């Protein structure tokens, strides 16, 4: 992929993507979705998140990407969810393009999705700013400074 296509992001790792160019656009092979995906700025952030999670020992087979869920009887799509070994949501991630600020609207979107998913952890990122919370049973959210360790999570 040509340098400078997207701005540098603030992640400790960079994804290794198998990509191709078609009609002046770039596509990468996504092994989770088993097809070529258009590489957009938001997708660039999403793939960095996935590479980061995998580098932190999150099992790749438990990471789901862009799947549908129902919120208030409306179909929605989450960006990334890591499931625990009992197939329960563990970490819900909402990704935005690098030029989109993470704000209260982004948090409310993630919390709305999490009403259906009930993940104990939320991550919001635009690739430059990352916000992580632990969601307590009383629905209070506590800010965290680092990713929860997957292997320490009760199974």
N, C-alpha and C. Protein backbone atom coordinates (compact mmCIF):
# COMPACT_ATOMS: atom_id res chain seq x y z
N UNK A 1 0.85 -1.17 0.00
CA UNK A 1 0.00 0.00 0.00
C UNK A 1 0.90 1.23 0.00
N UNK A 2 0.56 2.22 -0.78
CA UNK A 2 1.41 3.41 -0.85
C UNK A 2 1.47 4.14 0.48
N UNK A 3 2.68 4.62 0.82
CA UNK A 3 2.85 5.42 2.03
C UNK A 3 2.02 6.69 1.90
N UNK A 4 1.51 7.15 3.02
CA UNK A 4 0.77 8.40 3.04
C UNK A 4 -0.68 8.30 2.64
N UNK A 5 -1.16 7.09 2.34
CA UNK A 5 -2.57 6.93 1.98
C UNK A 5 -3.47 7.35 3.14
N UNK A 6 -3.07 6.96 4.36
CA UNK A 6 -3.80 7.33 5.56
C UNK A 6 -2.82 7.91 6.57
N UNK A 7 -3.30 8.73 7.49
CA UNK A 7 -2.39 9.31 8.48
C UNK A 7 -1.88 8.24 9.44
N UNK A 8 -0.70 8.47 10.04
CA UNK A 8 -0.20 7.52 11.04
C UNK A 8 -1.14 7.48 12.25
N UNK A 9 -1.27 6.32 12.82
CA UNK A 9 -2.16 6.14 13.97
C UNK A 9 -1.34 5.82 15.22
N UNK A 10 -1.97 5.98 16.36
CA UNK A 10 -1.30 5.78 17.65
C UNK A 10 -1.58 4.38 18.20
N UNK A 11 -0.99 3.39 17.58
CA UNK A 11 -1.09 2.01 18.04
C UNK A 11 0.31 1.44 18.14
N UNK A 12 0.53 0.49 19.04
CA UNK A 12 1.87 -0.09 19.17
C UNK A 12 2.25 -1.04 18.04
N UNK A 13 1.29 -1.44 17.23
CA UNK A 13 1.55 -2.35 16.11
C UNK A 13 0.81 -1.85 14.87
N UNK A 14 1.29 -2.30 13.71
CA UNK A 14 0.65 -1.98 12.44
C UNK A 14 0.18 -3.29 11.82
N UNK A 15 -1.05 -3.32 11.30
CA UNK A 15 -1.52 -4.57 10.70
C UNK A 15 -0.75 -4.92 9.44
N UNK A 16 -0.60 -6.21 9.21
CA UNK A 16 -0.01 -6.70 7.97
C UNK A 16 -1.17 -7.14 7.09
N UNK A 17 -1.42 -6.38 6.06
CA UNK A 17 -2.58 -6.64 5.21
C UNK A 17 -2.15 -7.13 3.84
N UNK A 18 -2.87 -8.12 3.35
CA UNK A 18 -2.72 -8.54 1.96
C UNK A 18 -3.69 -7.65 1.18
N UNK A 19 -3.16 -6.81 0.32
CA UNK A 19 -4.00 -5.84 -0.35
C UNK A 19 -3.85 -5.89 -1.86
N UNK A 20 -4.80 -5.23 -2.50
CA UNK A 20 -4.76 -5.10 -3.96
C UNK A 20 -5.42 -3.79 -4.35
N UNK A 21 -5.08 -3.30 -5.50
CA UNK A 21 -5.63 -2.06 -6.02
C UNK A 21 -6.56 -2.40 -7.18
N UNK A 22 -7.76 -1.78 -7.15
CA UNK A 22 -8.73 -1.94 -8.24
C UNK A 22 -9.40 -0.59 -8.47
N UNK A 23 -9.41 -0.17 -9.69
CA UNK A 23 -10.08 1.09 -10.05
C UNK A 23 -9.64 2.26 -9.18
N UNK A 24 -8.36 2.29 -8.84
CA UNK A 24 -7.83 3.40 -8.05
C UNK A 24 -8.15 3.34 -6.57
N UNK A 25 -8.71 2.22 -6.13
CA UNK A 25 -9.04 2.06 -4.71
C UNK A 25 -8.27 0.86 -4.18
N UNK A 26 -8.07 0.85 -2.87
CA UNK A 26 -7.32 -0.23 -2.24
C UNK A 26 -8.25 -1.12 -1.43
N UNK A 27 -8.03 -2.42 -1.58
CA UNK A 27 -8.81 -3.43 -0.89
C UNK A 27 -7.84 -4.34 -0.16
N UNK A 28 -8.28 -4.90 0.96
CA UNK A 28 -7.44 -5.86 1.67
C UNK A 28 -8.26 -7.11 1.94
N UNK A 29 -7.56 -8.22 2.08
CA UNK A 29 -8.21 -9.49 2.38
C UNK A 29 -8.46 -9.56 3.88
N UNK A 30 -9.71 -9.72 4.25
CA UNK A 30 -10.08 -9.84 5.67
C UNK A 30 -10.38 -11.31 5.94
N UNK A 31 -9.52 -11.99 6.70
CA UNK A 31 -9.76 -13.41 6.97
C UNK A 31 -10.99 -13.68 7.82
N UNK A 32 -11.45 -12.70 8.58
CA UNK A 32 -12.66 -12.90 9.39
C UNK A 32 -13.92 -12.87 8.53
N UNK A 33 -13.96 -11.90 7.62
CA UNK A 33 -15.14 -11.76 6.75
C UNK A 33 -14.99 -12.57 5.47
N UNK A 34 -13.78 -13.13 5.24
CA UNK A 34 -13.48 -14.00 4.11
C UNK A 34 -13.79 -13.35 2.76
N UNK A 35 -13.36 -12.08 2.64
CA UNK A 35 -13.51 -11.37 1.38
C UNK A 35 -12.63 -10.13 1.39
N UNK A 36 -12.47 -9.53 0.21
CA UNK A 36 -11.74 -8.28 0.10
C UNK A 36 -12.66 -7.14 0.55
N UNK A 37 -12.09 -6.24 1.35
CA UNK A 37 -12.83 -5.12 1.93
C UNK A 37 -12.16 -3.83 1.46
N UNK A 38 -12.97 -2.85 1.08
CA UNK A 38 -12.46 -1.53 0.71
C UNK A 38 -11.75 -0.92 1.91
N UNK A 39 -10.55 -0.44 1.70
CA UNK A 39 -9.76 0.14 2.78
C UNK A 39 -10.11 1.63 2.91
N UNK A 40 -11.00 1.93 3.84
CA UNK A 40 -11.42 3.30 4.14
C UNK A 40 -10.67 3.78 5.38
N UNK A 41 -10.71 5.06 5.68
CA UNK A 41 -10.06 5.54 6.90
C UNK A 41 -10.58 4.83 8.17
N UNK A 42 -11.88 4.61 8.27
CA UNK A 42 -12.41 3.90 9.45
C UNK A 42 -11.93 2.45 9.48
N UNK A 43 -11.89 1.82 8.33
CA UNK A 43 -11.42 0.44 8.26
C UNK A 43 -9.93 0.36 8.63
N UNK A 44 -9.16 1.37 8.26
CA UNK A 44 -7.75 1.43 8.63
C UNK A 44 -7.61 1.42 10.15
N UNK A 45 -8.46 2.20 10.83
CA UNK A 45 -8.47 2.21 12.30
C UNK A 45 -8.89 0.84 12.82
N UNK A 46 -9.94 0.27 12.27
CA UNK A 46 -10.45 -1.03 12.71
C UNK A 46 -9.37 -2.11 12.61
N UNK A 47 -8.63 -2.12 11.51
CA UNK A 47 -7.60 -3.14 11.35
C UNK A 47 -6.43 -2.93 12.31
N UNK A 48 -6.14 -1.69 12.66
CA UNK A 48 -5.13 -1.42 13.68
C UNK A 48 -5.59 -1.93 15.04
N UNK A 49 -6.86 -1.71 15.36
CA UNK A 49 -7.40 -2.20 16.64
C UNK A 49 -7.25 -3.72 16.71
N UNK A 50 -7.62 -4.41 15.65
CA UNK A 50 -7.54 -5.87 15.64
C UNK A 50 -6.10 -6.34 15.81
N UNK A 51 -5.18 -5.72 15.09
CA UNK A 51 -3.76 -6.09 15.22
C UNK A 51 -3.27 -5.85 16.65
N UNK A 52 -3.71 -4.76 17.26
CA UNK A 52 -3.34 -4.44 18.64
C UNK A 52 -3.89 -5.49 19.60
N UNK A 53 -5.17 -5.82 19.45
CA UNK A 53 -5.78 -6.82 20.32
C UNK A 53 -5.04 -8.16 20.21
N UNK A 54 -4.74 -8.56 19.00
CA UNK A 54 -4.02 -9.83 18.80
C UNK A 54 -2.62 -9.77 19.42
N UNK A 55 -1.96 -8.60 19.34
CA UNK A 55 -0.63 -8.47 19.94
C UNK A 55 -0.69 -8.51 21.46
N UNK A 56 -1.86 -8.26 22.02
CA UNK A 56 -2.07 -8.31 23.47
C UNK A 56 -2.67 -9.65 23.91
N UNK A 57 -2.53 -10.67 23.08
CA UNK A 57 -2.94 -12.05 23.38
C UNK A 57 -4.45 -12.25 23.40
N UNK A 58 -5.19 -11.43 22.67
CA UNK A 58 -6.61 -11.69 22.48
C UNK A 58 -6.71 -12.73 21.36
N UNK A 59 -7.40 -13.85 21.59
CA UNK A 59 -7.46 -14.92 20.58
C UNK A 59 -8.16 -14.45 19.30
N UNK A 60 -7.49 -14.56 18.16
CA UNK A 60 -8.08 -14.10 16.89
C UNK A 60 -9.43 -14.74 16.60
N UNK A 61 -9.60 -16.00 16.98
CA UNK A 61 -10.87 -16.68 16.69
C UNK A 61 -12.04 -16.15 17.51
N UNK A 62 -11.76 -15.33 18.53
CA UNK A 62 -12.82 -14.76 19.36
C UNK A 62 -13.09 -13.29 19.05
N UNK A 63 -12.48 -12.79 17.97
CA UNK A 63 -12.67 -11.40 17.56
C UNK A 63 -13.64 -11.37 16.39
N UNK A 64 -14.76 -10.70 16.58
CA UNK A 64 -15.79 -10.56 15.53
C UNK A 64 -15.75 -9.13 14.98
N UNK A 65 -15.96 -9.01 13.67
CA UNK A 65 -15.87 -7.72 12.99
C UNK A 65 -17.16 -7.44 12.24
N UNK A 66 -17.69 -6.24 12.46
CA UNK A 66 -18.86 -5.74 11.75
C UNK A 66 -19.98 -6.77 11.62
N UNK A 67 -20.53 -7.12 12.73
CA UNK A 67 -21.69 -8.02 12.72
C UNK A 67 -22.93 -7.26 13.15
N UNK A 68 -24.04 -7.76 12.72
CA UNK A 68 -25.30 -7.09 13.02
C UNK A 68 -25.78 -7.42 14.42
N UNK A 69 -26.42 -6.44 15.05
CA UNK A 69 -27.13 -6.65 16.30
C UNK A 69 -28.38 -5.81 16.23
N UNK A 70 -29.32 -6.06 17.12
CA UNK A 70 -30.57 -5.32 17.15
C UNK A 70 -30.60 -4.46 18.39
N UNK A 71 -30.84 -3.16 18.17
CA UNK A 71 -30.92 -2.19 19.26
C UNK A 71 -32.24 -1.45 19.09
N UNK A 72 -33.11 -1.56 20.11
CA UNK A 72 -34.43 -0.92 20.03
C UNK A 72 -35.16 -1.31 18.75
N UNK A 73 -35.10 -2.59 18.42
CA UNK A 73 -35.75 -3.16 17.24
C UNK A 73 -35.19 -2.65 15.92
N UNK A 74 -34.03 -2.00 15.98
CA UNK A 74 -33.39 -1.48 14.78
C UNK A 74 -32.10 -2.26 14.51
N UNK A 75 -31.86 -2.65 13.26
CA UNK A 75 -30.59 -3.32 12.95
C UNK A 75 -29.43 -2.32 13.01
N UNK A 76 -28.38 -2.71 13.67
CA UNK A 76 -27.15 -1.92 13.78
C UNK A 76 -25.98 -2.85 13.51
N UNK A 77 -24.78 -2.28 13.36
CA UNK A 77 -23.57 -3.09 13.15
C UNK A 77 -22.50 -2.59 14.10
N UNK A 78 -21.94 -3.50 14.87
CA UNK A 78 -20.82 -3.11 15.72
C UNK A 78 -19.53 -3.20 14.90
N UNK A 79 -18.50 -2.50 15.36
CA UNK A 79 -17.21 -2.53 14.67
C UNK A 79 -16.43 -3.79 15.04
N UNK A 80 -16.08 -3.92 16.31
CA UNK A 80 -15.30 -5.07 16.77
C UNK A 80 -15.82 -5.50 18.13
N UNK A 81 -16.02 -6.79 18.30
CA UNK A 81 -16.35 -7.35 19.61
C UNK A 81 -15.44 -8.55 19.84
N UNK A 82 -14.83 -8.58 21.01
CA UNK A 82 -14.08 -9.75 21.43
C UNK A 82 -15.01 -10.53 22.35
N UNK A 83 -15.11 -11.83 22.10
CA UNK A 83 -15.94 -12.70 22.93
C UNK A 83 -15.04 -13.46 23.90
N UNK A 84 -15.60 -13.84 25.05
CA UNK A 84 -14.83 -14.68 25.97
C UNK A 84 -14.97 -16.13 25.51
N UNK A 85 -14.38 -17.03 26.25
CA UNK A 85 -14.38 -18.44 25.82
C UNK A 85 -15.74 -19.11 26.00
N UNK A 86 -16.67 -18.43 26.62
CA UNK A 86 -18.05 -18.94 26.73
C UNK A 86 -18.97 -18.24 25.74
N UNK A 87 -18.37 -17.53 24.78
CA UNK A 87 -19.09 -16.84 23.72
C UNK A 87 -19.94 -15.67 24.23
N UNK A 88 -19.49 -15.04 25.31
CA UNK A 88 -20.14 -13.84 25.83
C UNK A 88 -19.30 -12.63 25.42
N UNK A 89 -19.95 -11.52 25.06
CA UNK A 89 -19.17 -10.33 24.72
C UNK A 89 -18.26 -9.92 25.88
N UNK A 90 -17.01 -9.62 25.56
CA UNK A 90 -15.99 -9.24 26.53
C UNK A 90 -15.59 -7.79 26.35
N UNK A 91 -15.31 -7.39 25.09
CA UNK A 91 -14.86 -6.03 24.79
C UNK A 91 -15.56 -5.55 23.52
N UNK A 92 -16.30 -4.46 23.65
CA UNK A 92 -16.94 -3.82 22.50
C UNK A 92 -16.09 -2.64 22.08
N UNK A 93 -15.74 -2.57 20.81
CA UNK A 93 -14.93 -1.47 20.29
C UNK A 93 -15.70 -0.70 19.23
N UNK A 94 -15.73 0.61 19.38
CA UNK A 94 -16.33 1.49 18.38
C UNK A 94 -15.19 2.27 17.74
N UNK A 95 -15.08 2.17 16.41
CA UNK A 95 -14.00 2.83 15.67
C UNK A 95 -14.57 3.97 14.84
N UNK A 96 -13.83 5.05 14.81
CA UNK A 96 -14.16 6.21 13.98
C UNK A 96 -12.96 6.54 13.11
N UNK A 97 -13.20 7.28 12.03
CA UNK A 97 -12.10 7.76 11.18
C UNK A 97 -11.19 8.66 12.02
N UNK A 98 -9.92 8.77 11.63
CA UNK A 98 -9.00 9.61 12.40
C UNK A 98 -9.42 11.08 12.52
N UNK A 99 -10.18 11.59 11.55
CA UNK A 99 -10.59 13.00 11.62
C UNK A 99 -11.90 13.21 12.38
N UNK A 100 -12.47 12.15 12.95
CA UNK A 100 -13.70 12.25 13.73
C UNK A 100 -13.33 12.24 15.21
N UNK A 101 -13.77 13.23 15.92
CA UNK A 101 -13.47 13.31 17.36
C UNK A 101 -14.31 12.29 18.13
N UNK A 102 -13.67 11.71 19.12
CA UNK A 102 -14.40 10.85 20.04
C UNK A 102 -15.05 11.77 21.07
N UNK A 103 -16.37 11.71 21.14
CA UNK A 103 -17.08 12.62 22.03
C UNK A 103 -18.24 11.89 22.71
N UNK A 104 -19.10 12.64 23.33
CA UNK A 104 -20.22 12.05 24.05
C UNK A 104 -21.15 11.29 23.11
N UNK A 105 -21.32 11.78 21.89
CA UNK A 105 -22.16 11.09 20.90
C UNK A 105 -21.60 9.69 20.61
N UNK A 106 -20.27 9.59 20.47
CA UNK A 106 -19.63 8.29 20.23
C UNK A 106 -19.85 7.37 21.41
N UNK A 107 -19.67 7.92 22.62
CA UNK A 107 -19.89 7.12 23.83
C UNK A 107 -21.33 6.65 23.91
N UNK A 108 -22.28 7.51 23.62
CA UNK A 108 -23.69 7.13 23.69
C UNK A 108 -24.01 6.03 22.66
N UNK A 109 -23.40 6.10 21.48
CA UNK A 109 -23.59 5.06 20.48
C UNK A 109 -23.08 3.72 21.01
N UNK A 110 -21.89 3.72 21.59
CA UNK A 110 -21.33 2.48 22.13
C UNK A 110 -22.17 1.95 23.29
N UNK A 111 -22.62 2.84 24.16
CA UNK A 111 -23.45 2.40 25.29
C UNK A 111 -24.78 1.84 24.80
N UNK A 112 -25.33 2.42 23.75
CA UNK A 112 -26.57 1.89 23.17
C UNK A 112 -26.34 0.48 22.64
N UNK A 113 -25.26 0.27 21.92
CA UNK A 113 -24.93 -1.07 21.42
C UNK A 113 -24.70 -2.02 22.59
N UNK A 114 -24.09 -1.50 23.63
CA UNK A 114 -23.74 -2.37 24.75
C UNK A 114 -24.96 -2.76 25.59
N UNK A 115 -26.04 -2.03 25.47
CA UNK A 115 -27.27 -2.48 26.15
C UNK A 115 -27.69 -3.85 25.63
N UNK A 116 -27.46 -4.08 24.35
CA UNK A 116 -27.79 -5.38 23.76
C UNK A 116 -26.70 -6.41 24.02
N UNK A 117 -25.44 -5.97 24.00
CA UNK A 117 -24.33 -6.91 24.11
C UNK A 117 -23.92 -7.24 25.55
N UNK A 118 -23.96 -6.22 26.42
CA UNK A 118 -23.57 -6.37 27.83
C UNK A 118 -22.10 -6.78 28.01
N UNK A 119 -21.23 -6.17 27.23
CA UNK A 119 -19.79 -6.41 27.37
C UNK A 119 -19.28 -5.65 28.61
N UNK A 120 -18.39 -6.24 29.38
CA UNK A 120 -17.87 -5.55 30.56
C UNK A 120 -16.84 -4.46 30.24
N UNK A 121 -16.36 -4.41 28.99
CA UNK A 121 -15.37 -3.40 28.61
C UNK A 121 -15.76 -2.73 27.30
N UNK A 122 -15.48 -1.41 27.23
CA UNK A 122 -15.73 -0.62 26.03
C UNK A 122 -14.44 0.09 25.62
N UNK A 123 -14.17 0.11 24.32
CA UNK A 123 -13.04 0.85 23.77
C UNK A 123 -13.57 1.73 22.65
N UNK A 124 -13.28 3.03 22.72
CA UNK A 124 -13.63 3.97 21.66
C UNK A 124 -12.33 4.52 21.11
N UNK A 125 -12.19 4.54 19.79
CA UNK A 125 -10.95 5.03 19.20
C UNK A 125 -11.17 5.62 17.82
N UNK A 126 -10.37 6.62 17.51
CA UNK A 126 -10.29 7.13 16.15
C UNK A 126 -8.88 6.89 15.61
N UNK A 127 -8.13 6.05 16.30
CA UNK A 127 -6.78 5.73 15.89
C UNK A 127 -5.73 6.64 16.50
N UNK A 128 -6.16 7.78 16.95
CA UNK A 128 -5.25 8.74 17.58
C UNK A 128 -5.55 8.88 19.06
N UNK A 129 -6.83 8.89 19.39
CA UNK A 129 -7.27 8.96 20.79
C UNK A 129 -8.00 7.67 21.12
N UNK A 130 -7.67 7.10 22.26
CA UNK A 130 -8.30 5.85 22.70
C UNK A 130 -8.91 6.08 24.08
N UNK A 131 -10.13 5.64 24.25
CA UNK A 131 -10.81 5.73 25.55
C UNK A 131 -11.33 4.35 25.90
N UNK A 132 -11.02 3.92 27.09
CA UNK A 132 -11.34 2.58 27.53
C UNK A 132 -12.07 2.65 28.87
N UNK A 133 -13.14 1.87 28.98
CA UNK A 133 -13.92 1.84 30.21
C UNK A 133 -14.25 0.40 30.61
N UNK A 134 -14.35 0.22 31.91
CA UNK A 134 -14.94 -0.99 32.47
C UNK A 134 -16.37 -0.62 32.82
N UNK A 135 -17.32 -1.42 32.38
CA UNK A 135 -18.74 -1.16 32.64
C UNK A 135 -19.13 -2.00 33.84
N UNK A 136 -19.49 -1.34 34.92
CA UNK A 136 -19.84 -2.02 36.16
C UNK A 136 -21.27 -2.56 36.09
N UNK A 137 -21.59 -3.56 36.91
CA UNK A 137 -22.95 -4.12 36.89
C UNK A 137 -24.04 -3.08 37.14
N UNK A 138 -23.73 -2.01 37.88
CA UNK A 138 -24.72 -0.96 38.12
C UNK A 138 -24.78 0.04 36.96
N UNK A 139 -24.11 -0.32 35.84
CA UNK A 139 -24.06 0.47 34.60
C UNK A 139 -23.16 1.69 34.68
N UNK A 140 -22.46 1.87 35.79
CA UNK A 140 -21.48 2.94 35.87
C UNK A 140 -20.25 2.52 35.08
N UNK A 141 -19.62 3.47 34.42
CA UNK A 141 -18.41 3.18 33.65
C UNK A 141 -17.21 3.81 34.36
N UNK A 142 -16.14 3.02 34.47
CA UNK A 142 -14.91 3.47 35.11
C UNK A 142 -13.82 3.51 34.05
N UNK A 143 -13.16 4.67 33.93
CA UNK A 143 -12.10 4.82 32.93
C UNK A 143 -10.91 3.93 33.29
N UNK A 144 -10.33 3.33 32.26
CA UNK A 144 -9.14 2.50 32.41
C UNK A 144 -7.98 3.12 31.64
N UNK A 145 -6.76 2.77 32.01
CA UNK A 145 -5.59 3.31 31.31
C UNK A 145 -4.94 2.28 30.40
N UNK A 146 -5.35 1.01 30.50
CA UNK A 146 -4.80 0.00 29.61
C UNK A 146 -5.84 -1.08 29.35
N UNK A 147 -5.61 -1.84 28.29
CA UNK A 147 -6.53 -2.92 27.92
C UNK A 147 -6.60 -3.95 29.05
N UNK A 148 -7.79 -4.50 29.28
CA UNK A 148 -7.87 -5.60 30.24
C UNK A 148 -7.15 -6.81 29.66
N UNK A 149 -6.51 -7.57 30.51
CA UNK A 149 -5.80 -8.76 30.05
C UNK A 149 -6.80 -9.89 29.84
N UNK A 150 -6.88 -10.35 28.62
CA UNK A 150 -7.87 -11.36 28.28
C UNK A 150 -7.71 -12.62 29.12
N UNK A 151 -6.48 -13.07 29.31
CA UNK A 151 -6.26 -14.32 30.03
C UNK A 151 -6.61 -14.22 31.51
N UNK A 152 -6.76 -13.01 32.05
CA UNK A 152 -7.14 -12.85 33.44
C UNK A 152 -8.65 -12.76 33.64
N UNK A 153 -9.38 -12.68 32.56
CA UNK A 153 -10.82 -12.54 32.65
C UNK A 153 -11.43 -13.88 33.09
N UNK A 154 -12.35 -13.85 34.05
CA UNK A 154 -12.97 -15.12 34.49
C UNK A 154 -13.65 -15.82 33.34
N UNK A 155 -13.46 -17.11 33.30
CA UNK A 155 -14.04 -17.90 32.20
C UNK A 155 -15.19 -18.74 32.70
